[in-house]
Amino acid sequence: MKELPTADALNMCRNLLARGVEDGHISTDYRLVCHCQCNSTESPGRRLYEEIQTWPHFYHIEEEEQ
Protein backbone atom coordinates (compact mmCIF):
# COMPACT_ATOMS: atom_id res chain seq x y z
CA MET A 1 0.00 0.00 0.00
CA LYS A 2 2.75 2.47 0.88
CA GLU A 3 5.68 1.36 -1.27
CA LEU A 4 6.16 1.24 -5.00
CA PRO A 5 7.35 -1.86 -6.81
CA THR A 6 11.00 -1.67 -7.81
CA ALA A 7 12.06 0.69 -10.57
CA ASP A 8 12.83 -2.36 -12.70
CA ALA A 9 9.30 -3.71 -12.23
CA LEU A 10 7.74 -0.35 -13.15
CA ASN A 11 9.96 -0.07 -16.22
CA MET A 12 9.05 -3.59 -17.30
CA CYS A 13 5.36 -2.74 -17.05
CA ARG A 14 5.80 0.39 -19.16
CA ASN A 15 7.90 -1.58 -21.65
CA LEU A 16 5.23 -4.29 -21.86
CA LEU A 17 2.59 -1.67 -22.66
CA ALA A 18 4.84 -0.06 -25.28
CA ARG A 19 5.60 -3.44 -26.85
CA GLY A 20 1.91 -4.30 -26.95
CA VAL A 21 1.24 -1.07 -28.85
CA GLU A 22 4.25 -1.60 -31.12
CA ASP A 23 3.14 -5.14 -31.98
CA GLY A 24 -0.47 -4.06 -32.57
CA HIS A 25 -1.95 -5.95 -29.62
CA ILE A 26 -2.87 -2.73 -27.80
CA SER A 27 -4.48 0.25 -29.50
CA THR A 28 -2.35 3.40 -29.75
CA ASP A 29 -5.11 5.33 -27.98
CA TYR A 30 -5.61 2.84 -25.12
CA ARG A 31 -6.89 3.98 -21.74
CA LEU A 32 -5.07 2.85 -18.63
CA VAL A 33 -7.56 2.20 -15.82
CA CYS A 34 -6.79 0.78 -12.37
CA HIS A 35 -8.90 -1.85 -10.65
CA CYS A 36 -9.82 0.52 -7.81
CA GLN A 37 -11.46 2.87 -10.33
CA CYS A 38 -14.00 0.21 -11.28
CA ASN A 39 -14.58 -1.67 -8.02
CA SER A 40 -14.40 -0.95 -4.33
CA THR A 41 -10.91 -2.32 -3.74
CA GLU A 42 -7.46 -1.13 -2.79
CA SER A 43 -5.92 -2.76 -5.86
CA PRO A 44 -3.30 -1.87 -7.08
CA GLY A 45 -2.44 -0.18 -3.77
CA ARG A 46 -2.52 3.50 -2.94
CA ARG A 47 1.11 4.33 -3.76
CA LEU A 48 1.14 2.41 -7.05
CA TYR A 49 -2.17 4.00 -8.01
CA GLU A 50 -0.64 7.45 -7.46
CA GLU A 51 2.29 6.47 -9.66
CA ILE A 52 0.16 5.06 -12.48
CA GLN A 53 -1.85 8.29 -12.56
CA THR A 54 1.31 10.02 -13.88
CA TRP A 55 1.71 7.59 -16.80
CA PRO A 56 0.64 8.38 -20.35
CA HIS A 57 -2.80 7.02 -21.21
CA PHE A 58 -4.00 7.01 -17.59
CA TYR A 59 -7.74 7.59 -17.75
CA HIS A 60 -9.48 9.61 -15.03
CA ILE A 61 -12.96 8.14 -14.65
CA GLU A 62 -15.49 10.71 -13.59
CA GLU A 63 -17.97 9.85 -10.84
CA GLU A 64 -20.92 9.96 -13.29
CA GLU A 65 -19.28 7.35 -15.51
CA GLN A 66 -19.01 4.71 -12.78
PDB file of N, CA and C in Angstrom:
ATOM      1  N   MET A   1       0.804  -1.206   0.000  1.00  0.00           N
ATOM      2  CA  MET A   1       0.000   0.000   0.000  1.00  0.00           C
ATOM      3  C   MET A   1       0.849   1.274   0.000  1.00  0.00           C
ATOM      4  N   LYS A   2       1.976   1.246   0.706  1.00  0.00           N
ATOM      5  CA  LYS A   2       2.753   2.467   0.882  1.00  0.00           C
ATOM      6  C   LYS A   2       4.027   2.519   0.066  1.00  0.00           C
ATOM      7  N   GLU A   3       4.428   1.395  -0.517  1.00  0.00           N
ATOM      8  CA  GLU A   3       5.680   1.359  -1.274  1.00  0.00           C
ATOM      9  C   GLU A   3       5.420   0.987  -2.723  1.00  0.00           C
ATOM     10  N   LEU A   4       6.226   1.574  -3.584  1.00  0.00           N
ATOM     11  CA  LEU A   4       6.158   1.239  -5.003  1.00  0.00           C
ATOM     12  C   LEU A   4       6.888  -0.070  -5.275  1.00  0.00           C
ATOM     13  N   PRO A   5       6.502  -0.752  -6.348  1.00  0.00           N
ATOM     14  CA  PRO A   5       7.346  -1.855  -6.808  1.00  0.00           C
ATOM     15  C   PRO A   5       8.718  -1.288  -7.186  1.00  0.00           C
ATOM     16  N   THR A   6       9.664  -2.141  -7.437  1.00  0.00           N
ATOM     17  CA  THR A   6      11.004  -1.674  -7.809  1.00  0.00           C
ATOM     18  C   THR A   6      10.949  -0.887  -9.111  1.00  0.00           C
ATOM     19  N   ALA A   7      11.964  -0.070  -9.317  1.00  0.00           N
ATOM     20  CA  ALA A   7      12.058   0.691 -10.570  1.00  0.00           C
ATOM     21  C   ALA A   7      12.096  -0.255 -11.763  1.00  0.00           C
ATOM     22  N   ASP A   8      12.780  -1.377 -11.616  1.00  0.00           N
ATOM     23  CA  ASP A   8      12.832  -2.362 -12.696  1.00  0.00           C
ATOM     24  C   ASP A   8      11.436  -2.893 -13.028  1.00  0.00           C
ATOM     25  N   ALA A   9      10.647  -3.193 -12.011  1.00  0.00           N
ATOM     26  CA  ALA A   9       9.299  -3.708 -12.235  1.00  0.00           C
ATOM     27  C   ALA A   9       8.421  -2.671 -12.928  1.00  0.00           C
ATOM     28  N   LEU A  10       8.523  -1.417 -12.516  1.00  0.00           N
ATOM     29  CA  LEU A  10       7.743  -0.355 -13.148  1.00  0.00           C
ATOM     30  C   LEU A  10       8.166  -0.170 -14.599  1.00  0.00           C
ATOM     31  N   ASN A  11       9.467  -0.198 -14.851  1.00  0.00           N
ATOM     32  CA  ASN A  11       9.960  -0.069 -16.225  1.00  0.00           C
ATOM     33  C   ASN A  11       9.497  -1.228 -17.091  1.00  0.00           C
ATOM     34  N   MET A  12       9.509  -2.424 -16.543  1.00  0.00           N
ATOM     35  CA  MET A  12       9.053  -3.589 -17.301  1.00  0.00           C
ATOM     36  C   MET A  12       7.575  -3.460 -17.661  1.00  0.00           C
ATOM     37  N   CYS A  13       6.779  -2.936 -16.769  1.00  0.00           N
ATOM     38  CA  CYS A  13       5.362  -2.736 -17.045  1.00  0.00           C
ATOM     39  C   CYS A  13       5.174  -1.724 -18.175  1.00  0.00           C
ATOM     40  N   ARG A  14       5.888  -0.613 -18.100  1.00  0.00           N
ATOM     41  CA  ARG A  14       5.798   0.393 -19.162  1.00  0.00           C
ATOM     42  C   ARG A  14       6.296  -0.174 -20.485  1.00  0.00           C
ATOM     43  N   ASN A  15       7.374  -0.965 -20.427  1.00  0.00           N
ATOM     44  CA  ASN A  15       7.900  -1.584 -21.648  1.00  0.00           C
ATOM     45  C   ASN A  15       6.911  -2.579 -22.243  1.00  0.00           C
ATOM     46  N   LEU A  16       6.223  -3.328 -21.392  1.00  0.00           N
ATOM     47  CA  LEU A  16       5.229  -4.287 -21.864  1.00  0.00           C
ATOM     48  C   LEU A  16       4.087  -3.562 -22.571  1.00  0.00           C
ATOM     49  N   LEU A  17       3.625  -2.460 -22.001  1.00  0.00           N
ATOM     50  CA  LEU A  17       2.590  -1.667 -22.661  1.00  0.00           C
ATOM     51  C   LEU A  17       3.081  -1.145 -24.008  1.00  0.00           C
ATOM     52  N   ALA A  18       4.284  -0.601 -24.036  1.00  0.00           N
ATOM     53  CA  ALA A  18       4.841  -0.063 -25.282  1.00  0.00           C
ATOM     54  C   ALA A  18       4.987  -1.163 -26.332  1.00  0.00           C
ATOM     55  N   ARG A  19       5.443  -2.332 -25.918  1.00  0.00           N
ATOM     56  CA  ARG A  19       5.600  -3.442 -26.854  1.00  0.00           C
ATOM     57  C   ARG A  19       4.249  -3.904 -27.380  1.00  0.00           C
ATOM     58  N   GLY A  20       3.250  -3.927 -26.511  1.00  0.00           N
ATOM     59  CA  GLY A  20       1.906  -4.297 -26.947  1.00  0.00           C
ATOM     60  C   GLY A  20       1.380  -3.355 -28.015  1.00  0.00           C
ATOM     61  N   VAL A  21       1.638  -2.067 -27.850  1.00  0.00           N
ATOM     62  CA  VAL A  21       1.239  -1.073 -28.852  1.00  0.00           C
ATOM     63  C   VAL A  21       2.047  -1.287 -30.128  1.00  0.00           C
ATOM     64  N   GLU A  22       3.352  -1.422 -29.974  1.00  0.00           N
ATOM     65  CA  GLU A  22       4.246  -1.602 -31.115  1.00  0.00           C
ATOM     66  C   GLU A  22       3.859  -2.828 -31.953  1.00  0.00           C
ATOM     67  N   ASP A  23       3.483  -3.905 -31.288  1.00  0.00           N
ATOM     68  CA  ASP A  23       3.136  -5.143 -31.982  1.00  0.00           C
ATOM     69  C   ASP A  23       1.680  -5.183 -32.446  1.00  0.00           C
ATOM     70  N   GLY A  24       0.913  -4.140 -32.128  1.00  0.00           N
ATOM     71  CA  GLY A  24      -0.466  -4.064 -32.574  1.00  0.00           C
ATOM     72  C   GLY A  24      -1.462  -4.813 -31.705  1.00  0.00           C
ATOM     73  N   HIS A  25      -1.046  -5.246 -30.524  1.00  0.00           N
ATOM     74  CA  HIS A  25      -1.950  -5.946 -29.617  1.00  0.00           C
ATOM     75  C   HIS A  25      -2.739  -4.982 -28.732  1.00  0.00           C
ATOM     76  N   ILE A  26      -2.220  -3.776 -28.581  1.00  0.00           N
ATOM     77  CA  ILE A  26      -2.873  -2.728 -27.796  1.00  0.00           C
ATOM     78  C   ILE A  26      -3.032  -1.516 -28.697  1.00  0.00           C
ATOM     79  N   SER A  27      -4.211  -0.918 -28.681  1.00  0.00           N
ATOM     80  CA  SER A  27      -4.483   0.252 -29.501  1.00  0.00           C
ATOM     81  C   SER A  27      -3.575   1.414 -29.097  1.00  0.00           C
ATOM     82  N   THR A  28      -3.214   2.241 -30.047  1.00  0.00           N
ATOM     83  CA  THR A  28      -2.354   3.398 -29.751  1.00  0.00           C
ATOM     84  C   THR A  28      -3.050   4.417 -28.859  1.00  0.00           C
ATOM     85  N   ASP A  29      -4.376   4.384 -28.824  1.00  0.00           N
ATOM     86  CA  ASP A  29      -5.114   5.330 -27.982  1.00  0.00           C
ATOM     87  C   ASP A  29      -5.754   4.628 -26.773  1.00  0.00           C
ATOM     88  N   TYR A  30      -5.073   3.595 -26.259  1.00  0.00           N
ATOM     89  CA  TYR A  30      -5.608   2.838 -25.123  1.00  0.00           C
ATOM     90  C   TYR A  30      -5.786   3.732 -23.902  1.00  0.00           C
ATOM     91  N   ARG A  31      -6.657   3.290 -23.006  1.00  0.00           N
ATOM     92  CA  ARG A  31      -6.889   3.978 -21.737  1.00  0.00           C
ATOM     93  C   ARG A  31      -6.417   3.066 -20.614  1.00  0.00           C
ATOM     94  N   LEU A  32      -5.593   3.599 -19.775  1.00  0.00           N
ATOM     95  CA  LEU A  32      -5.074   2.854 -18.634  1.00  0.00           C
ATOM     96  C   LEU A  32      -5.963   3.132 -17.431  1.00  0.00           C
ATOM     97  N   VAL A  33      -6.622   2.085 -16.932  1.00  0.00           N
ATOM     98  CA  VAL A  33      -7.564   2.196 -15.818  1.00  0.00           C
ATOM     99  C   VAL A  33      -7.137   1.217 -14.734  1.00  0.00           C
ATOM    100  N   CYS A  34      -7.160   1.647 -13.498  1.00  0.00           N
ATOM    101  CA  CYS A  34      -6.792   0.781 -12.374  1.00  0.00           C
ATOM    102  C   CYS A  34      -8.034   0.107 -11.797  1.00  0.00           C
ATOM    103  N   HIS A  35      -7.826  -1.051 -11.224  1.00  0.00           N
ATOM    104  CA  HIS A  35      -8.899  -1.851 -10.654  1.00  0.00           C
ATOM    105  C   HIS A  35      -9.735  -1.052  -9.660  1.00  0.00           C
ATOM    106  N   CYS A  36      -9.090  -0.241  -8.840  1.00  0.00           N
ATOM    107  CA  CYS A  36      -9.822   0.517  -7.813  1.00  0.00           C
ATOM    108  C   CYS A  36     -10.740   1.582  -8.409  1.00  0.00           C
ATOM    109  N   GLN A  37     -10.572   1.903  -9.688  1.00  0.00           N
ATOM    110  CA  GLN A  37     -11.457   2.866 -10.327  1.00  0.00           C
ATOM    111  C   GLN A  37     -12.787   2.230 -10.727  1.00  0.00           C
ATOM    112  N   CYS A  38     -12.812   0.924 -10.806  1.00  0.00           N
ATOM    113  CA  CYS A  38     -14.000   0.210 -11.277  1.00  0.00           C
ATOM    114  C   CYS A  38     -14.726  -0.534 -10.171  1.00  0.00           C
ATOM    115  N   ASN A  39     -14.013  -0.908  -9.127  1.00  0.00           N
ATOM    116  CA  ASN A  39     -14.582  -1.672  -8.022  1.00  0.00           C
ATOM    117  C   ASN A  39     -14.075  -1.119  -6.697  1.00  0.00           C
ATOM    118  N   SER A  40     -14.803  -1.385  -5.660  1.00  0.00           N
ATOM    119  CA  SER A  40     -14.400  -0.953  -4.335  1.00  0.00           C
ATOM    120  C   SER A  40     -13.295  -1.882  -3.822  1.00  0.00           C
ATOM    121  N   THR A  41     -12.072  -1.511  -4.116  1.00  0.00           N
ATOM    122  CA  THR A  41     -10.913  -2.319  -3.744  1.00  0.00           C
ATOM    123  C   THR A  41      -9.705  -1.412  -3.581  1.00  0.00           C
ATOM    124  N   GLU A  42      -8.693  -1.889  -2.949  1.00  0.00           N
ATOM    125  CA  GLU A  42      -7.455  -1.125  -2.793  1.00  0.00           C
ATOM    126  C   GLU A  42      -6.461  -1.449  -3.909  1.00  0.00           C
ATOM    127  N   SER A  43      -6.818  -2.352  -4.781  1.00  0.00           N
ATOM    128  CA  SER A  43      -5.919  -2.760  -5.862  1.00  0.00           C
ATOM    129  C   SER A  43      -5.766  -1.635  -6.875  1.00  0.00           C
ATOM    130  N   PRO A  44      -4.600  -1.232  -7.231  1.00  0.00           N
ATOM    131  CA  PRO A  44      -3.298  -1.866  -7.081  1.00  0.00           C
ATOM    132  C   PRO A  44      -2.509  -1.388  -5.868  1.00  0.00           C
ATOM    133  N   GLY A  45      -3.138  -0.761  -4.919  1.00  0.00           N
ATOM    134  CA  GLY A  45      -2.439  -0.181  -3.768  1.00  0.00           C
ATOM    135  C   GLY A  45      -2.331   1.318  -3.953  1.00  0.00           C
ATOM    136  N   ARG A  46      -2.465   2.039  -2.879  1.00  0.00           N
ATOM    137  CA  ARG A  46      -2.517   3.505  -2.941  1.00  0.00           C
ATOM    138  C   ARG A  46      -1.292   4.122  -3.606  1.00  0.00           C
ATOM    139  N   ARG A  47      -0.109   3.706  -3.215  1.00  0.00           N
ATOM    140  CA  ARG A  47       1.107   4.326  -3.759  1.00  0.00           C
ATOM    141  C   ARG A  47       1.284   4.018  -5.243  1.00  0.00           C
ATOM    142  N   LEU A  48       1.027   2.769  -5.637  1.00  0.00           N
ATOM    143  CA  LEU A  48       1.143   2.410  -7.050  1.00  0.00           C
ATOM    144  C   LEU A  48       0.077   3.125  -7.872  1.00  0.00           C
ATOM    145  N   TYR A  49      -1.110   3.263  -7.326  1.00  0.00           N
ATOM    146  CA  TYR A  49      -2.175   3.997  -8.007  1.00  0.00           C
ATOM    147  C   TYR A  49      -1.749   5.441  -8.260  1.00  0.00           C
ATOM    148  N   GLU A  50      -1.142   6.075  -7.277  1.00  0.00           N
ATOM    149  CA  GLU A  50      -0.645   7.447  -7.458  1.00  0.00           C
ATOM    150  C   GLU A  50       0.393   7.507  -8.571  1.00  0.00           C
ATOM    151  N   GLU A  51       1.262   6.525  -8.623  1.00  0.00           N
ATOM    152  CA  GLU A  51       2.288   6.471  -9.664  1.00  0.00           C
ATOM    153  C   GLU A  51       1.666   6.301 -11.044  1.00  0.00           C
ATOM    154  N   ILE A  52       0.758   5.357 -11.173  1.00  0.00           N
ATOM    155  CA  ILE A  52       0.156   5.062 -12.478  1.00  0.00           C
ATOM    156  C   ILE A  52      -0.617   6.266 -13.013  1.00  0.00           C
ATOM    157  N   GLN A  53      -1.135   7.093 -12.119  1.00  0.00           N
ATOM    158  CA  GLN A  53      -1.854   8.295 -12.561  1.00  0.00           C
ATOM    159  C   GLN A  53      -0.942   9.262 -13.318  1.00  0.00           C
ATOM    160  N   THR A  54       0.366   9.134 -13.178  1.00  0.00           N
ATOM    161  CA  THR A  54       1.307  10.016 -13.879  1.00  0.00           C
ATOM    162  C   THR A  54       1.711   9.452 -15.240  1.00  0.00           C
ATOM    163  N   TRP A  55       1.310   8.225 -15.542  1.00  0.00           N
ATOM    164  CA  TRP A  55       1.706   7.586 -16.795  1.00  0.00           C
ATOM    165  C   TRP A  55       0.850   8.072 -17.965  1.00  0.00           C
ATOM    166  N   PRO A  56       1.446   8.064 -19.161  1.00  0.00           N
ATOM    167  CA  PRO A  56       0.643   8.378 -20.350  1.00  0.00           C
ATOM    168  C   PRO A  56      -0.519   7.388 -20.462  1.00  0.00           C
ATOM    169  N   HIS A  57      -1.606   7.830 -20.972  1.00  0.00           N
ATOM    170  CA  HIS A  57      -2.798   7.024 -21.213  1.00  0.00           C
ATOM    171  C   HIS A  57      -3.616   6.751 -19.957  1.00  0.00           C
ATOM    172  N   PHE A  58      -3.166   7.219 -18.770  1.00  0.00           N
ATOM    173  CA  PHE A  58      -4.000   7.012 -17.589  1.00  0.00           C
ATOM    174  C   PHE A  58      -5.320   7.723 -17.825  1.00  0.00           C
ATOM    175  N   TYR A  59      -6.410   7.059 -17.500  1.00  0.00           N
ATOM    176  CA  TYR A  59      -7.745   7.591 -17.747  1.00  0.00           C
ATOM    177  C   TYR A  59      -8.428   7.907 -16.420  1.00  0.00           C
ATOM    178  N   HIS A  60      -8.764   9.176 -16.244  1.00  0.00           N
ATOM    179  CA  HIS A  60      -9.483   9.610 -15.033  1.00  0.00           C
ATOM    180  C   HIS A  60     -10.963   9.374 -15.252  1.00  0.00           C
ATOM    181  N   ILE A  61     -11.526   8.433 -14.546  1.00  0.00           N
ATOM    182  CA  ILE A  61     -12.956   8.137 -14.648  1.00  0.00           C
ATOM    183  C   ILE A  61     -13.712   9.116 -13.769  1.00  0.00           C
ATOM    184  N   GLU A  62     -14.679   9.771 -14.347  1.00  0.00           N
ATOM    185  CA  GLU A  62     -15.495  10.710 -13.590  1.00  0.00           C
ATOM    186  C   GLU A  62     -16.533   9.930 -12.791  1.00  0.00           C
ATOM    187  N   GLU A  63     -16.984  10.490 -11.698  1.00  0.00           N
ATOM    188  CA  GLU A  63     -17.975   9.851 -10.837  1.00  0.00           C
ATOM    189  C   GLU A  63     -19.228   9.433 -11.610  1.00  0.00           C
ATOM    190  N   GLU A  64     -19.701  10.262 -12.549  1.00  0.00           N
ATOM    191  CA  GLU A  64     -20.916   9.964 -13.288  1.00  0.00           C
ATOM    192  C   GLU A  64     -20.743   8.724 -14.159  1.00  0.00           C
ATOM    193  N   GLU A  65     -19.530   8.444 -14.597  1.00  0.00           N
ATOM    194  CA  GLU A  65     -19.278   7.350 -15.510  1.00  0.00           C
ATOM    195  C   GLU A  65     -19.283   6.012 -14.798  1.00  0.00           C
ATOM    196  N   GLN A  66     -19.115   5.978 -13.501  1.00  0.00           N
ATOM    197  CA  GLN A  66     -19.009   4.712 -12.777  1.00  0.00           C
ATOM    198  C   GLN A  66     -20.330   4.049 -12.567  1.00  0.00           C
TER     199      GLN A  66
END
